[in-house]
C-alpha cells in the first residue's frame, strides 16, 4: 500500500487548512498506462478551503500544484482537482 496519498493529504492540510480534504488513489484504474510505468500515481482530490474564496479555478489549481510541486511527474503522474470555497457549498 502506498504512503503517497497520506503525504499528499498532509501537505494539503498544512497548506490550505481545509474544511474538507479527500484524496483518492486511482492508480489501479490506470494499470498499464504509460504514466503508471514510470511509477507516478493517479490521484483525485477534493478540497474545501477558505483560501479559495475569490479565486478562479485556474488560480486554485495552480495553488494546489504549487503545494505538490516536488511530487509532480515523479510521485504524481495525474491529478484531478476539485477546489471549492466554503461559500460555494450548498447547504
N, C-alpha and C. Protein backbone atom coordinates (compact mmCIF):
# COMPACT_ATOMS: atom_id res chain seq x y z
N UNK A 1 0.85 -1.19 0.00
CA UNK A 1 0.00 0.00 0.00
C UNK A 1 0.88 1.24 0.00
N UNK A 2 0.55 2.20 -0.81
CA UNK A 2 1.34 3.41 -0.99
C UNK A 2 1.08 4.42 0.14
N UNK A 3 2.14 5.10 0.53
CA UNK A 3 2.00 6.19 1.52
C UNK A 3 1.79 7.53 0.83
N UNK A 4 1.87 7.55 -0.48
CA UNK A 4 1.72 8.80 -1.22
C UNK A 4 0.42 9.54 -0.91
N UNK A 5 -0.73 8.84 -0.87
CA UNK A 5 -1.96 9.58 -0.56
C UNK A 5 -1.88 10.27 0.81
N UNK A 6 -1.23 9.64 1.77
CA UNK A 6 -1.08 10.24 3.10
C UNK A 6 -0.19 11.47 3.04
N UNK A 7 0.89 11.39 2.27
CA UNK A 7 1.79 12.54 2.12
C UNK A 7 1.06 13.68 1.43
N UNK A 8 0.32 13.37 0.38
CA UNK A 8 -0.46 14.39 -0.33
C UNK A 8 -1.44 15.04 0.64
N UNK A 9 -2.18 14.23 1.39
CA UNK A 9 -3.17 14.74 2.34
C UNK A 9 -2.51 15.64 3.39
N UNK A 10 -1.39 15.21 3.95
CA UNK A 10 -0.69 16.00 4.97
C UNK A 10 -0.28 17.36 4.43
N UNK A 11 0.23 17.39 3.21
CA UNK A 11 0.64 18.67 2.60
C UNK A 11 -0.54 19.58 2.36
N UNK A 12 -1.63 19.02 1.86
CA UNK A 12 -2.82 19.81 1.60
C UNK A 12 -3.40 20.37 2.90
N UNK A 13 -3.42 19.56 3.94
CA UNK A 13 -3.91 20.01 5.24
C UNK A 13 -3.06 21.15 5.78
N UNK A 14 -1.75 21.01 5.68
CA UNK A 14 -0.83 22.03 6.20
C UNK A 14 -0.92 23.33 5.42
N UNK A 15 -1.11 23.23 4.12
CA UNK A 15 -1.12 24.42 3.26
C UNK A 15 -2.45 25.14 3.25
N UNK A 16 -3.55 24.40 3.21
CA UNK A 16 -4.86 25.01 2.99
C UNK A 16 -5.79 25.01 4.21
N UNK A 17 -5.43 24.32 5.28
CA UNK A 17 -6.32 24.22 6.46
C UNK A 17 -7.77 24.01 6.01
N UNK A 18 -8.02 23.00 5.19
CA UNK A 18 -9.34 22.85 4.58
C UNK A 18 -10.41 22.37 5.55
N UNK A 19 -11.65 22.70 5.23
CA UNK A 19 -12.80 22.17 5.94
C UNK A 19 -13.02 20.71 5.53
N UNK A 20 -12.62 20.40 4.31
CA UNK A 20 -12.74 19.04 3.78
C UNK A 20 -11.52 18.75 2.93
N UNK A 21 -10.98 17.55 3.07
CA UNK A 21 -9.82 17.13 2.28
C UNK A 21 -9.94 15.64 1.98
N UNK A 22 -10.22 15.33 0.73
CA UNK A 22 -10.31 13.94 0.29
C UNK A 22 -9.21 13.69 -0.73
N UNK A 23 -8.52 12.57 -0.58
CA UNK A 23 -7.50 12.16 -1.54
C UNK A 23 -7.79 10.71 -1.91
N UNK A 24 -8.05 10.48 -3.18
CA UNK A 24 -8.32 9.13 -3.67
C UNK A 24 -7.20 8.69 -4.59
N UNK A 25 -6.68 7.50 -4.34
CA UNK A 25 -5.65 6.92 -5.20
C UNK A 25 -6.36 6.10 -6.28
N UNK A 26 -6.29 6.58 -7.51
CA UNK A 26 -6.93 5.90 -8.64
C UNK A 26 -5.91 5.19 -9.51
N UNK A 27 -4.72 4.98 -8.99
CA UNK A 27 -3.64 4.39 -9.78
C UNK A 27 -3.99 3.02 -10.33
N UNK A 28 -4.68 2.21 -9.55
CA UNK A 28 -5.03 0.86 -10.00
C UNK A 28 -5.92 0.89 -11.23
N UNK A 29 -6.69 1.96 -11.39
CA UNK A 29 -7.57 2.07 -12.55
C UNK A 29 -6.79 2.35 -13.84
N UNK A 30 -5.53 2.72 -13.68
CA UNK A 30 -4.71 3.10 -14.83
C UNK A 30 -3.54 2.16 -15.05
N UNK A 31 -3.61 0.96 -14.51
CA UNK A 31 -2.53 -0.03 -14.69
C UNK A 31 -2.32 -0.27 -16.18
N UNK A 32 -1.07 -0.29 -16.58
CA UNK A 32 -0.74 -0.48 -17.98
C UNK A 32 -0.59 0.82 -18.75
N UNK A 33 -1.05 1.91 -18.17
CA UNK A 33 -0.93 3.23 -18.77
C UNK A 33 0.55 3.65 -18.75
N UNK A 34 0.99 4.38 -19.74
CA UNK A 34 2.40 4.79 -19.83
C UNK A 34 2.87 5.52 -18.58
N UNK A 35 2.03 6.36 -18.01
CA UNK A 35 2.40 7.08 -16.80
C UNK A 35 2.57 6.16 -15.61
N UNK A 36 1.79 5.09 -15.58
CA UNK A 36 1.89 4.13 -14.48
C UNK A 36 3.23 3.40 -14.53
N UNK A 37 3.75 3.21 -15.73
CA UNK A 37 5.03 2.51 -15.88
C UNK A 37 6.17 3.29 -15.25
N UNK A 38 6.05 4.61 -15.22
CA UNK A 38 7.12 5.44 -14.65
C UNK A 38 7.05 5.47 -13.13
N UNK A 39 6.00 4.92 -12.55
CA UNK A 39 5.87 4.88 -11.10
C UNK A 39 5.01 5.99 -10.53
N UNK A 40 4.63 6.95 -11.35
CA UNK A 40 3.78 8.03 -10.87
C UNK A 40 2.34 7.57 -10.73
N UNK A 41 1.67 8.02 -9.69
CA UNK A 41 0.30 7.61 -9.43
C UNK A 41 -0.73 8.58 -9.99
N UNK A 42 -1.96 8.11 -10.02
CA UNK A 42 -3.11 8.91 -10.45
C UNK A 42 -3.96 9.19 -9.22
N UNK A 43 -4.22 10.46 -8.94
CA UNK A 43 -4.94 10.84 -7.74
C UNK A 43 -6.06 11.82 -8.05
N UNK A 44 -7.10 11.75 -7.23
CA UNK A 44 -8.24 12.67 -7.32
C UNK A 44 -8.37 13.32 -5.95
N UNK A 45 -8.41 14.65 -5.91
CA UNK A 45 -8.55 15.34 -4.64
C UNK A 45 -9.76 16.26 -4.66
N UNK A 46 -10.32 16.44 -3.49
CA UNK A 46 -11.42 17.40 -3.28
C UNK A 46 -11.06 18.21 -2.04
N UNK A 47 -10.94 19.50 -2.21
CA UNK A 47 -10.59 20.41 -1.12
C UNK A 47 -11.66 21.48 -0.99
N UNK A 48 -12.05 21.77 0.25
CA UNK A 48 -12.91 22.90 0.55
C UNK A 48 -12.12 23.76 1.51
N UNK A 49 -11.73 24.94 1.05
CA UNK A 49 -10.87 25.80 1.87
C UNK A 49 -11.19 27.27 1.65
N UNK A 50 -11.09 28.04 2.72
CA UNK A 50 -11.28 29.49 2.64
C UNK A 50 -10.21 30.14 1.78
N UNK A 51 -9.08 29.48 1.61
CA UNK A 51 -8.00 30.01 0.75
C UNK A 51 -8.51 30.24 -0.67
N UNK A 52 -9.51 29.48 -1.09
CA UNK A 52 -10.01 29.57 -2.45
C UNK A 52 -11.06 30.67 -2.66
N UNK A 53 -11.50 31.31 -1.59
CA UNK A 53 -12.50 32.37 -1.72
C UNK A 53 -11.99 33.46 -2.65
N UNK A 54 -12.82 33.85 -3.62
CA UNK A 54 -12.48 34.94 -4.52
C UNK A 54 -11.46 34.60 -5.59
N UNK A 55 -11.05 33.34 -5.68
CA UNK A 55 -10.06 32.94 -6.68
C UNK A 55 -10.73 32.10 -7.76
N UNK A 56 -10.29 32.28 -9.00
CA UNK A 56 -10.87 31.48 -10.08
C UNK A 56 -10.25 30.08 -10.10
N UNK A 57 -10.80 29.22 -10.93
CA UNK A 57 -10.38 27.82 -10.97
C UNK A 57 -8.91 27.65 -11.32
N UNK A 58 -8.42 28.44 -12.26
CA UNK A 58 -7.02 28.34 -12.66
C UNK A 58 -6.09 28.65 -11.49
N UNK A 59 -6.38 29.70 -10.76
CA UNK A 59 -5.53 30.07 -9.62
C UNK A 59 -5.62 29.00 -8.53
N UNK A 60 -6.80 28.47 -8.29
CA UNK A 60 -6.96 27.41 -7.28
C UNK A 60 -6.12 26.20 -7.64
N UNK A 61 -6.18 25.79 -8.89
CA UNK A 61 -5.41 24.62 -9.32
C UNK A 61 -3.92 24.91 -9.23
N UNK A 62 -3.53 26.11 -9.59
CA UNK A 62 -2.11 26.46 -9.51
C UNK A 62 -1.62 26.40 -8.06
N UNK A 63 -2.43 26.84 -7.12
CA UNK A 63 -2.07 26.77 -5.70
C UNK A 63 -1.86 25.32 -5.26
N UNK A 64 -2.74 24.43 -5.72
CA UNK A 64 -2.60 23.01 -5.38
C UNK A 64 -1.33 22.44 -6.01
N UNK A 65 -1.11 22.73 -7.29
CA UNK A 65 0.10 22.25 -7.95
C UNK A 65 1.36 22.78 -7.27
N UNK A 66 1.35 24.04 -6.84
CA UNK A 66 2.49 24.60 -6.14
C UNK A 66 2.76 23.85 -4.84
N UNK A 67 1.71 23.50 -4.14
CA UNK A 67 1.82 22.76 -2.88
C UNK A 67 2.49 21.40 -3.09
N UNK A 68 2.20 20.77 -4.22
CA UNK A 68 2.69 19.42 -4.50
C UNK A 68 3.79 19.39 -5.57
N UNK A 69 4.39 20.52 -5.85
CA UNK A 69 5.31 20.68 -6.99
C UNK A 69 6.41 19.63 -7.04
N UNK A 70 7.05 19.34 -5.93
CA UNK A 70 8.17 18.41 -5.97
C UNK A 70 7.73 16.96 -6.16
N UNK A 71 6.44 16.69 -6.03
CA UNK A 71 5.92 15.34 -6.24
C UNK A 71 5.43 15.12 -7.67
N UNK A 72 5.19 16.23 -8.37
CA UNK A 72 4.65 16.13 -9.72
C UNK A 72 5.68 15.49 -10.67
N UNK A 73 5.20 14.66 -11.56
CA UNK A 73 5.98 13.98 -12.60
C UNK A 73 6.90 12.90 -12.04
N UNK A 74 6.95 12.73 -10.73
CA UNK A 74 7.75 11.68 -10.13
C UNK A 74 6.82 10.76 -9.34
N UNK A 75 6.19 11.31 -8.32
CA UNK A 75 5.25 10.54 -7.50
C UNK A 75 3.82 10.66 -8.01
N UNK A 76 3.52 11.78 -8.66
CA UNK A 76 2.18 12.03 -9.19
C UNK A 76 2.27 12.18 -10.70
N UNK A 77 1.59 11.29 -11.40
CA UNK A 77 1.53 11.39 -12.87
C UNK A 77 0.31 12.20 -13.30
N UNK A 78 -0.81 11.98 -12.60
CA UNK A 78 -2.05 12.68 -12.96
C UNK A 78 -2.77 13.08 -11.68
N UNK A 79 -3.35 14.29 -11.73
CA UNK A 79 -4.03 14.83 -10.55
C UNK A 79 -5.33 15.50 -10.99
N UNK A 80 -6.44 14.97 -10.52
CA UNK A 80 -7.75 15.58 -10.77
C UNK A 80 -8.10 16.40 -9.53
N UNK A 81 -8.42 17.67 -9.73
CA UNK A 81 -8.61 18.59 -8.61
C UNK A 81 -10.02 19.18 -8.61
N UNK A 82 -10.65 19.10 -7.46
CA UNK A 82 -11.87 19.86 -7.18
C UNK A 82 -11.50 20.75 -6.01
N UNK A 83 -11.45 22.06 -6.24
CA UNK A 83 -11.07 23.03 -5.22
C UNK A 83 -12.22 24.02 -5.06
N UNK A 84 -12.81 24.02 -3.87
CA UNK A 84 -14.04 24.78 -3.63
C UNK A 84 -13.87 25.69 -2.42
N UNK A 85 -14.45 26.86 -2.50
CA UNK A 85 -14.53 27.76 -1.35
C UNK A 85 -15.73 27.36 -0.50
N UNK A 86 -15.67 27.52 0.82
CA UNK A 86 -16.81 27.15 1.68
C UNK A 86 -18.12 27.81 1.27
N UNK A 87 -18.06 29.04 0.76
CA UNK A 87 -19.29 29.73 0.36
C UNK A 87 -19.95 29.09 -0.85
N UNK A 88 -19.27 28.21 -1.54
CA UNK A 88 -19.81 27.55 -2.73
C UNK A 88 -20.51 26.22 -2.41
N UNK A 89 -20.47 25.81 -1.18
CA UNK A 89 -21.10 24.57 -0.77
C UNK A 89 -22.58 24.84 -0.53
N UNK A 90 -23.43 24.04 -1.17
CA UNK A 90 -24.88 24.18 -0.98
C UNK A 90 -25.26 23.61 0.37
N UNK A 91 -26.02 24.37 1.12
CA UNK A 91 -26.45 23.93 2.45
C UNK A 91 -27.76 23.20 2.38
